[in-house]
Amino acid sequence: MKRGIFNQYVEFVCEECGITKEELFTKSRKTKLAMSRYLLYSICYQRPMTIVQIVDLMSENDYDTSRTNIEYGIAKIKEMNDGDINSLISIAVNNISKEESLC
C-alpha cells in the first residue's frame, strides 16, 4: 500500500519540479534534484511514513540513502519555512490521500 502512494508522490514531485523519475533517483547533488528529493521525503513523512519505510522505498528505486540523509532533507525543508513548499506538501498529501481512499 505504501509503495503505491510513494509512487504517486514520486510522479507528483517530478511533475511539480520539472524533472524525470530517473533524475530524481540519481546521486546528483544538483540543487534542483536534491531539493526535489527533500520534498519527496517531506511529503512521505507527512503521510505519515516512517523514515525506515522511506529508506526502503528509495532503495527499491535503486537509490541508496540513509536515515540521516532523509532526516537532513526533511529538516532542510522545514528550515526553509516556505509557504509555497508547505502548500505543495499539503496538496500532495491531501489529494493523493483522497485518491487512495477511493480505491
C-alpha atoms as a PDB file:
ATOM      1  CA  MET A   1       0.000   0.000   0.000  1.00  0.00           C
ATOM      2  CA  LYS A   2       2.756   2.492   0.886  1.00  0.00           C
ATOM      3  CA  ARG A   3       4.555   1.622  -2.362  1.00  0.00           C
ATOM      4  CA  GLY A   4       1.594   2.795  -4.450  1.00  0.00           C
ATOM      5  CA  ILE A   5       1.309   6.037  -2.503  1.00  0.00           C
ATOM      6  CA  PHE A   6       5.071   6.564  -2.722  1.00  0.00           C
ATOM      7  CA  ASN A   7       4.970   6.105  -6.499  1.00  0.00           C
ATOM      8  CA  GLN A   8       2.193   8.684  -6.765  1.00  0.00           C
ATOM      9  CA  TYR A   9       4.262  11.089  -4.683  1.00  0.00           C
ATOM     10  CA  VAL A  10       7.229  10.478  -6.984  1.00  0.00           C
ATOM     11  CA  GLU A  11       5.099  11.358 -10.017  1.00  0.00           C
ATOM     12  CA  PHE A  12       3.766  14.459  -8.251  1.00  0.00           C
ATOM     13  CA  VAL A  13       7.239  15.709  -7.267  1.00  0.00           C
ATOM     14  CA  CYS A  14       8.668  15.060 -10.735  1.00  0.00           C
ATOM     15  CA  GLU A  15       5.815  16.931 -12.384  1.00  0.00           C
ATOM     16  CA  GLU A  16       5.952  19.891  -9.983  1.00  0.00           C
ATOM     17  CA  CYS A  17       9.754  20.163 -10.129  1.00  0.00           C
ATOM     18  CA  GLY A  18      10.055  19.579 -13.870  1.00  0.00           C
ATOM     19  CA  ILE A  19      12.344  16.563 -13.613  1.00  0.00           C
ATOM     20  CA  THR A  20      12.192  12.924 -14.654  1.00  0.00           C
ATOM     21  CA  LYS A  21      11.965   9.941 -12.356  1.00  0.00           C
ATOM     22  CA  GLU A  22      15.440   8.918 -13.500  1.00  0.00           C
ATOM     23  CA  GLU A  23      16.845  12.312 -12.484  1.00  0.00           C
ATOM     24  CA  LEU A  24      15.136  12.129  -9.092  1.00  0.00           C
ATOM     25  CA  PHE A  25      16.825   8.818  -8.307  1.00  0.00           C
ATOM     26  CA  THR A  26      20.340   9.772  -9.426  1.00  0.00           C
ATOM     27  CA  LYS A  27      23.068  10.554  -6.914  1.00  0.00           C
ATOM     28  CA  SER A  28      23.415  14.049  -8.373  1.00  0.00           C
ATOM     29  CA  ARG A  29      23.954  16.836  -5.863  1.00  0.00           C
ATOM     30  CA  LYS A  30      22.489  19.491  -8.138  1.00  0.00           C
ATOM     31  CA  THR A  31      20.315  21.752  -6.018  1.00  0.00           C
ATOM     32  CA  LYS A  32      17.208  21.171  -8.130  1.00  0.00           C
ATOM     33  CA  LEU A  33      17.478  17.397  -7.782  1.00  0.00           C
ATOM     34  CA  ALA A  34      18.489  17.378  -4.112  1.00  0.00           C
ATOM     35  CA  MET A  35      15.627  19.711  -3.179  1.00  0.00           C
ATOM     36  CA  SER A  36      13.222  17.528  -5.171  1.00  0.00           C
ATOM     37  CA  ARG A  37      14.303  14.516  -3.122  1.00  0.00           C
ATOM     38  CA  TYR A  38      13.958  16.527   0.088  1.00  0.00           C
ATOM     39  CA  LEU A  39      10.457  17.490  -0.988  1.00  0.00           C
ATOM     40  CA  LEU A  40       9.637  13.825  -1.609  1.00  0.00           C
ATOM     41  CA  TYR A  41      10.970  12.873   1.835  1.00  0.00           C
ATOM     42  CA  SER A  42       8.885  15.589   3.463  1.00  0.00           C
ATOM     43  CA  ILE A  43       5.708  14.593   1.660  1.00  0.00           C
ATOM     44  CA  CYS A  44       6.196  10.957   2.614  1.00  0.00           C
ATOM     45  CA  TYR A  45       6.951  11.879   6.217  1.00  0.00           C
ATOM     46  CA  GLN A  46       3.758  13.954   6.411  1.00  0.00           C
ATOM     47  CA  ARG A  47       1.777  10.965   5.120  1.00  0.00           C
ATOM     48  CA  PRO A  48       2.927   9.614   7.704  1.00  0.00           C
ATOM     49  CA  MET A  49       5.517   7.123   6.560  1.00  0.00           C
ATOM     50  CA  THR A  50       8.373   6.161   8.819  1.00  0.00           C
ATOM     51  CA  ILE A  51      11.895   7.096   7.846  1.00  0.00           C
ATOM     52  CA  VAL A  52      12.735   3.397   7.565  1.00  0.00           C
ATOM     53  CA  GLN A  53       9.869   2.959   5.075  1.00  0.00           C
ATOM     54  CA  ILE A  54      11.171   5.913   3.048  1.00  0.00           C
ATOM     55  CA  VAL A  55      14.693   4.427   3.034  1.00  0.00           C
ATOM     56  CA  ASP A  56      13.278   1.094   1.807  1.00  0.00           C
ATOM     57  CA  LEU A  57      11.128   2.699  -0.894  1.00  0.00           C
ATOM     58  CA  MET A  58      14.051   4.779  -2.147  1.00  0.00           C
ATOM     59  CA  SER A  59      16.159   1.616  -2.224  1.00  0.00           C
ATOM     60  CA  GLU A  60      13.514  -0.136  -4.326  1.00  0.00           C
ATOM     61  CA  ASN A  61      14.168   2.587  -6.895  1.00  0.00           C
ATOM     62  CA  ASP A  62      17.922   1.913  -6.828  1.00  0.00           C
ATOM     63  CA  TYR A  63      18.658   4.979  -4.706  1.00  0.00           C
ATOM     64  CA  ASP A  64      20.585   4.000  -1.606  1.00  0.00           C
ATOM     65  CA  THR A  65      20.275   6.542   1.170  1.00  0.00           C
ATOM     66  CA  SER A  66      20.427   6.561   4.929  1.00  0.00           C
ATOM     67  CA  ARG A  67      18.142   7.561   7.735  1.00  0.00           C
ATOM     68  CA  THR A  68      20.443  10.508   8.426  1.00  0.00           C
ATOM     69  CA  ASN A  69      20.158  11.797   4.849  1.00  0.00           C
ATOM     70  CA  ILE A  70      16.375  11.627   4.961  1.00  0.00           C
ATOM     71  CA  GLU A  71      16.255  13.375   8.331  1.00  0.00           C
ATOM     72  CA  TYR A  72      18.563  16.057   6.920  1.00  0.00           C
ATOM     73  CA  GLY A  73      16.317  16.575   3.873  1.00  0.00           C
ATOM     74  CA  ILE A  74      13.177  16.867   5.990  1.00  0.00           C
ATOM     75  CA  ALA A  75      14.931  19.346   8.287  1.00  0.00           C
ATOM     76  CA  LYS A  76      16.076  21.439   5.288  1.00  0.00           C
ATOM     77  CA  ILE A  77      12.503  21.726   4.011  1.00  0.00           C
ATOM     78  CA  LYS A  78      11.231  22.685   7.498  1.00  0.00           C
ATOM     79  CA  GLU A  79      14.076  25.171   7.915  1.00  0.00           C
ATOM     80  CA  MET A  80      13.112  26.945   4.697  1.00  0.00           C
ATOM     81  CA  ASN A  81       9.636  27.614   6.097  1.00  0.00           C
ATOM     82  CA  ASP A  82       8.465  28.491   2.581  1.00  0.00           C
ATOM     83  CA  GLY A  83       4.693  28.916   2.291  1.00  0.00           C
ATOM     84  CA  ASP A  84       4.685  27.676  -1.301  1.00  0.00           C
ATOM     85  CA  ILE A  85       6.544  24.485  -0.417  1.00  0.00           C
ATOM     86  CA  ASN A  86       4.333  23.892   2.617  1.00  0.00           C
ATOM     87  CA  SER A  87       1.276  24.370   0.408  1.00  0.00           C
ATOM     88  CA  LEU A  88       2.679  21.938  -2.151  1.00  0.00           C
ATOM     89  CA  ILE A  89       3.238  19.324   0.563  1.00  0.00           C
ATOM     90  CA  SER A  90      -0.318  19.764   1.831  1.00  0.00           C
ATOM     91  CA  ILE A  91      -1.747  19.452  -1.679  1.00  0.00           C
ATOM     92  CA  ALA A  92       0.196  16.253  -2.314  1.00  0.00           C
ATOM     93  CA  VAL A  93      -0.708  14.631   0.994  1.00  0.00           C
ATOM     94  CA  ASN A  94      -4.376  15.627   0.863  1.00  0.00           C
ATOM     95  CA  ASN A  95      -5.046  14.937  -2.820  1.00  0.00           C
ATOM     96  CA  ILE A  96      -3.221  11.637  -3.029  1.00  0.00           C
ATOM     97  CA  SER A  97      -4.707  10.513   0.283  1.00  0.00           C
ATOM     98  CA  LYS A  98      -8.193  11.167  -1.095  1.00  0.00           C
ATOM     99  CA  GLU A  99      -7.436   9.320  -4.330  1.00  0.00           C
ATOM    100  CA  GLU A 100      -6.078   6.359  -2.371  1.00  0.00           C
ATOM    101  CA  SER A 101      -9.161   6.137  -0.163  1.00  0.00           C
ATOM    102  CA  LEU A 102     -11.362   5.948  -3.272  1.00  0.00           C
ATOM    103  CA  CYS A 103      -9.614   2.777  -4.472  1.00  0.00           C
END
